[in-house]
Amino acid sequence: MKDLRDVIIRPLISEKSYESIEQSKYTFEVHPGAKKTEIRQAVEEIFNVAVTDVNTISVKGKPKKRGYATGRTKNWKKAIVTLKEGQRIEFFETK
C-alpha cells in the first residue's frame, strides 16, 4: 500500500457495529490486500487515536440471481479495530 488513505475504504454502519462502539470497537471495510499493521497505521493517522487491537475477516461474496442471469457479489475484507480505553472516533457518534 502506498497511501494509508487507500487502506480504509469506508466505515461499516449497522446495528451490530453500533453495539460494539460501547466497547471501543469500530468496524471498517478495508482493502483486500491490507495487512493488520497497515490498518492500524491508517486508523491512527486518519482519526488521531491509539489502536490496541485489529481483527480482520475476509467476507465471501454471495450468489445472486436476477431473471436468467446469475452471478456473485464481490469478496471483501472487514476490519474490527479496538481503540485504547477512553478514546473514540467522533465520526461514528450519534446525537
N, C-alpha and C. Protein backbone atom coordinates (compact mmCIF):
# COMPACT_ATOMS: atom_id res chain seq x y z
N MET A 1 0.83 -1.17 0.00
CA MET A 1 0.00 0.00 0.00
C MET A 1 0.88 1.25 0.00
N LYS A 2 0.63 2.15 -0.88
CA LYS A 2 1.38 3.40 -0.95
C LYS A 2 0.81 4.43 0.03
N ASP A 3 -0.47 4.74 -0.10
CA ASP A 3 -1.10 5.77 0.72
C ASP A 3 -2.00 5.11 1.76
N LEU A 4 -1.91 5.53 3.00
CA LEU A 4 -2.71 4.92 4.06
C LEU A 4 -4.20 5.20 3.90
N ARG A 5 -4.55 6.24 3.16
CA ARG A 5 -5.97 6.53 2.93
C ARG A 5 -6.60 5.56 1.92
N ASP A 6 -5.77 4.80 1.21
CA ASP A 6 -6.30 3.77 0.31
C ASP A 6 -6.62 2.48 1.06
N VAL A 7 -6.14 2.33 2.28
CA VAL A 7 -6.35 1.12 3.06
C VAL A 7 -7.80 1.03 3.52
N ILE A 8 -8.32 2.11 4.10
CA ILE A 8 -9.69 2.11 4.60
C ILE A 8 -10.62 2.60 3.50
N ILE A 9 -11.57 1.74 3.12
CA ILE A 9 -12.50 2.09 2.05
C ILE A 9 -13.69 2.88 2.60
N ARG A 10 -14.33 2.36 3.66
CA ARG A 10 -15.47 3.05 4.25
C ARG A 10 -15.76 2.45 5.61
N PRO A 11 -16.41 3.21 6.49
CA PRO A 11 -16.86 2.64 7.76
C PRO A 11 -18.11 1.80 7.53
N LEU A 12 -18.28 0.76 8.30
CA LEU A 12 -19.47 -0.07 8.21
C LEU A 12 -20.43 0.33 9.32
N ILE A 13 -21.63 0.70 8.92
CA ILE A 13 -22.62 1.18 9.87
C ILE A 13 -23.79 0.20 9.86
N SER A 14 -23.93 -0.52 10.97
CA SER A 14 -25.03 -1.47 11.13
C SER A 14 -25.39 -1.53 12.62
N GLU A 15 -26.44 -2.24 12.95
CA GLU A 15 -26.83 -2.37 14.35
C GLU A 15 -25.74 -3.05 15.16
N LYS A 16 -25.16 -4.09 14.59
CA LYS A 16 -24.13 -4.83 15.30
C LYS A 16 -22.88 -3.97 15.52
N SER A 17 -22.49 -3.18 14.52
CA SER A 17 -21.31 -2.35 14.68
C SER A 17 -21.56 -1.22 15.69
N TYR A 18 -22.78 -0.69 15.75
CA TYR A 18 -23.09 0.36 16.72
C TYR A 18 -23.11 -0.18 18.15
N GLU A 19 -23.51 -1.44 18.33
CA GLU A 19 -23.48 -2.03 19.66
C GLU A 19 -22.05 -2.20 20.16
N SER A 20 -21.11 -2.46 19.27
CA SER A 20 -19.72 -2.68 19.67
C SER A 20 -18.98 -1.37 19.94
N ILE A 21 -19.55 -0.23 19.57
CA ILE A 21 -18.91 1.06 19.83
C ILE A 21 -18.77 1.30 21.33
N GLU A 22 -19.71 0.79 22.12
CA GLU A 22 -19.64 0.93 23.57
C GLU A 22 -18.38 0.27 24.14
N GLN A 23 -17.86 -0.74 23.45
CA GLN A 23 -16.64 -1.44 23.88
C GLN A 23 -15.41 -0.90 23.15
N SER A 24 -15.52 0.27 22.54
CA SER A 24 -14.45 0.93 21.78
C SER A 24 -14.00 0.12 20.58
N LYS A 25 -14.95 -0.57 19.92
CA LYS A 25 -14.65 -1.34 18.71
C LYS A 25 -15.36 -0.69 17.53
N TYR A 26 -14.61 -0.42 16.47
CA TYR A 26 -15.14 0.23 15.27
C TYR A 26 -14.89 -0.67 14.07
N THR A 27 -15.84 -0.69 13.13
CA THR A 27 -15.78 -1.61 12.00
C THR A 27 -15.61 -0.84 10.70
N PHE A 28 -14.69 -1.32 9.85
CA PHE A 28 -14.40 -0.68 8.56
C PHE A 28 -14.32 -1.74 7.46
N GLU A 29 -14.68 -1.32 6.24
CA GLU A 29 -14.34 -2.12 5.07
C GLU A 29 -12.96 -1.66 4.63
N VAL A 30 -12.06 -2.60 4.43
CA VAL A 30 -10.68 -2.26 4.09
C VAL A 30 -10.28 -2.92 2.78
N HIS A 31 -9.15 -2.48 2.23
CA HIS A 31 -8.62 -3.04 1.00
C HIS A 31 -8.32 -4.52 1.22
N PRO A 32 -8.69 -5.40 0.27
CA PRO A 32 -8.50 -6.84 0.47
C PRO A 32 -7.04 -7.25 0.70
N GLY A 33 -6.09 -6.48 0.23
CA GLY A 33 -4.69 -6.82 0.41
C GLY A 33 -4.04 -6.16 1.61
N ALA A 34 -4.82 -5.45 2.42
CA ALA A 34 -4.26 -4.72 3.55
C ALA A 34 -3.91 -5.67 4.70
N LYS A 35 -2.79 -5.41 5.33
CA LYS A 35 -2.36 -6.19 6.48
C LYS A 35 -2.79 -5.46 7.75
N LYS A 36 -2.78 -6.19 8.89
CA LYS A 36 -3.22 -5.61 10.15
C LYS A 36 -2.39 -4.39 10.55
N THR A 37 -1.10 -4.43 10.32
CA THR A 37 -0.25 -3.29 10.68
C THR A 37 -0.59 -2.06 9.84
N GLU A 38 -0.90 -2.27 8.56
CA GLU A 38 -1.29 -1.15 7.70
C GLU A 38 -2.63 -0.56 8.14
N ILE A 39 -3.56 -1.42 8.54
CA ILE A 39 -4.86 -0.95 9.01
C ILE A 39 -4.68 -0.15 10.30
N ARG A 40 -3.84 -0.64 11.20
CA ARG A 40 -3.57 0.07 12.46
C ARG A 40 -2.99 1.45 12.18
N GLN A 41 -1.99 1.52 11.30
CA GLN A 41 -1.36 2.80 10.98
C GLN A 41 -2.36 3.76 10.34
N ALA A 42 -3.20 3.25 9.44
CA ALA A 42 -4.17 4.09 8.75
C ALA A 42 -5.18 4.69 9.73
N VAL A 43 -5.72 3.87 10.63
CA VAL A 43 -6.72 4.37 11.59
C VAL A 43 -6.07 5.39 12.54
N GLU A 44 -4.86 5.09 13.00
CA GLU A 44 -4.18 6.01 13.92
C GLU A 44 -3.89 7.35 13.25
N GLU A 45 -3.49 7.32 11.98
CA GLU A 45 -3.16 8.55 11.27
C GLU A 45 -4.41 9.36 10.90
N ILE A 46 -5.42 8.69 10.38
CA ILE A 46 -6.61 9.39 9.88
C ILE A 46 -7.45 9.95 11.03
N PHE A 47 -7.68 9.16 12.08
CA PHE A 47 -8.58 9.56 13.15
C PHE A 47 -7.86 10.06 14.40
N ASN A 48 -6.54 10.01 14.41
CA ASN A 48 -5.72 10.52 15.51
C ASN A 48 -6.10 9.86 16.84
N VAL A 49 -6.10 8.51 16.86
CA VAL A 49 -6.42 7.72 18.05
C VAL A 49 -5.35 6.63 18.23
N ALA A 50 -5.34 5.98 19.38
CA ALA A 50 -4.41 4.87 19.64
C ALA A 50 -5.16 3.55 19.51
N VAL A 51 -4.66 2.66 18.66
CA VAL A 51 -5.29 1.37 18.40
C VAL A 51 -4.61 0.30 19.25
N THR A 52 -5.41 -0.54 19.93
CA THR A 52 -4.83 -1.62 20.72
C THR A 52 -4.91 -2.96 20.03
N ASP A 53 -5.93 -3.17 19.16
CA ASP A 53 -6.10 -4.47 18.52
C ASP A 53 -6.80 -4.30 17.18
N VAL A 54 -6.44 -5.17 16.22
CA VAL A 54 -7.09 -5.19 14.91
C VAL A 54 -7.44 -6.64 14.58
N ASN A 55 -8.71 -6.89 14.30
CA ASN A 55 -9.18 -8.20 13.85
C ASN A 55 -9.70 -8.05 12.42
N THR A 56 -9.33 -8.99 11.54
CA THR A 56 -9.77 -8.92 10.16
C THR A 56 -10.58 -10.15 9.79
N ILE A 57 -11.53 -9.95 8.88
CA ILE A 57 -12.40 -11.02 8.40
C ILE A 57 -12.52 -10.89 6.89
N SER A 58 -12.27 -11.97 6.17
CA SER A 58 -12.50 -11.98 4.73
C SER A 58 -13.92 -12.48 4.48
N VAL A 59 -14.73 -11.63 3.85
CA VAL A 59 -16.14 -11.95 3.61
C VAL A 59 -16.28 -12.42 2.17
N LYS A 60 -16.83 -13.60 2.00
CA LYS A 60 -17.03 -14.15 0.66
C LYS A 60 -18.30 -13.58 0.04
N GLY A 61 -18.29 -13.36 -1.27
CA GLY A 61 -19.45 -12.84 -1.98
C GLY A 61 -20.58 -13.85 -2.01
N LYS A 62 -21.81 -13.33 -2.00
CA LYS A 62 -22.98 -14.19 -2.01
C LYS A 62 -23.44 -14.43 -3.45
N PRO A 63 -24.00 -15.61 -3.73
CA PRO A 63 -24.55 -15.83 -5.06
C PRO A 63 -25.84 -15.03 -5.24
N LYS A 64 -26.00 -14.42 -6.39
CA LYS A 64 -27.19 -13.63 -6.70
C LYS A 64 -27.78 -14.10 -8.02
N LYS A 65 -29.09 -13.96 -8.15
CA LYS A 65 -29.76 -14.36 -9.38
C LYS A 65 -30.81 -13.32 -9.72
N ARG A 66 -30.81 -12.87 -10.95
CA ARG A 66 -31.80 -11.91 -11.41
C ARG A 66 -32.30 -12.38 -12.77
N GLY A 67 -33.49 -12.92 -12.78
CA GLY A 67 -34.01 -13.49 -14.01
C GLY A 67 -33.18 -14.71 -14.39
N TYR A 68 -32.68 -14.71 -15.63
CA TYR A 68 -31.85 -15.83 -16.08
C TYR A 68 -30.38 -15.64 -15.73
N ALA A 69 -30.01 -14.43 -15.42
CA ALA A 69 -28.61 -14.13 -15.15
C ALA A 69 -28.24 -14.51 -13.72
N THR A 70 -27.10 -15.14 -13.56
CA THR A 70 -26.60 -15.46 -12.23
C THR A 70 -25.22 -14.85 -12.07
N GLY A 71 -24.86 -14.60 -10.84
CA GLY A 71 -23.55 -14.02 -10.57
C GLY A 71 -23.27 -14.04 -9.08
N ARG A 72 -22.29 -13.28 -8.68
CA ARG A 72 -21.91 -13.19 -7.28
C ARG A 72 -21.62 -11.74 -6.92
N THR A 73 -21.82 -11.41 -5.65
CA THR A 73 -21.36 -10.11 -5.17
C THR A 73 -19.85 -10.23 -4.92
N LYS A 74 -19.19 -9.11 -4.75
CA LYS A 74 -17.74 -9.14 -4.64
C LYS A 74 -17.29 -9.66 -3.27
N ASN A 75 -16.10 -10.25 -3.23
CA ASN A 75 -15.45 -10.60 -1.98
C ASN A 75 -14.85 -9.33 -1.40
N TRP A 76 -14.87 -9.19 -0.07
CA TRP A 76 -14.32 -8.00 0.55
C TRP A 76 -13.76 -8.34 1.91
N LYS A 77 -13.08 -7.38 2.52
CA LYS A 77 -12.42 -7.60 3.80
C LYS A 77 -12.93 -6.59 4.82
N LYS A 78 -13.20 -7.08 6.03
CA LYS A 78 -13.72 -6.27 7.11
C LYS A 78 -12.68 -6.24 8.23
N ALA A 79 -12.51 -5.08 8.86
CA ALA A 79 -11.60 -4.94 9.99
C ALA A 79 -12.36 -4.38 11.18
N ILE A 80 -12.19 -5.03 12.34
CA ILE A 80 -12.75 -4.54 13.59
C ILE A 80 -11.58 -4.02 14.41
N VAL A 81 -11.58 -2.71 14.66
CA VAL A 81 -10.47 -2.02 15.31
C VAL A 81 -10.88 -1.67 16.74
N THR A 82 -10.06 -2.09 17.71
CA THR A 82 -10.29 -1.76 19.11
C THR A 82 -9.36 -0.61 19.50
N LEU A 83 -9.96 0.43 20.09
CA LEU A 83 -9.19 1.59 20.50
C LEU A 83 -8.80 1.50 21.97
N LYS A 84 -7.81 2.31 22.32
CA LYS A 84 -7.39 2.41 23.71
C LYS A 84 -8.55 2.95 24.54
N GLU A 85 -8.64 2.50 25.80
CA GLU A 85 -9.76 2.88 26.66
C GLU A 85 -9.86 4.39 26.81
N GLY A 86 -11.07 4.90 26.66
CA GLY A 86 -11.31 6.33 26.80
C GLY A 86 -11.25 7.09 25.48
N GLN A 87 -10.78 6.46 24.40
CA GLN A 87 -10.73 7.14 23.11
C GLN A 87 -11.91 6.72 22.25
N ARG A 88 -12.29 7.61 21.34
CA ARG A 88 -13.39 7.31 20.44
C ARG A 88 -13.21 8.07 19.15
N ILE A 89 -13.94 7.62 18.14
CA ILE A 89 -13.93 8.27 16.83
C ILE A 89 -15.22 9.05 16.72
N GLU A 90 -15.12 10.36 16.56
CA GLU A 90 -16.30 11.23 16.52
C GLU A 90 -17.21 10.95 15.33
N PHE A 91 -16.65 10.42 14.25
CA PHE A 91 -17.41 10.14 13.04
C PHE A 91 -18.59 9.22 13.32
N PHE A 92 -18.42 8.25 14.23
CA PHE A 92 -19.45 7.26 14.49
C PHE A 92 -20.48 7.71 15.51
N GLU A 93 -20.19 8.74 16.26
CA GLU A 93 -21.09 9.15 17.35
C GLU A 93 -22.38 9.75 16.79
N THR A 94 -23.49 9.41 17.44
CA THR A 94 -24.80 9.94 17.05
C THR A 94 -25.29 10.88 18.14
N LYS A 95 -26.08 11.84 17.75
CA LYS A 95 -26.59 12.81 18.72
C LYS A 95 -28.08 12.78 18.73
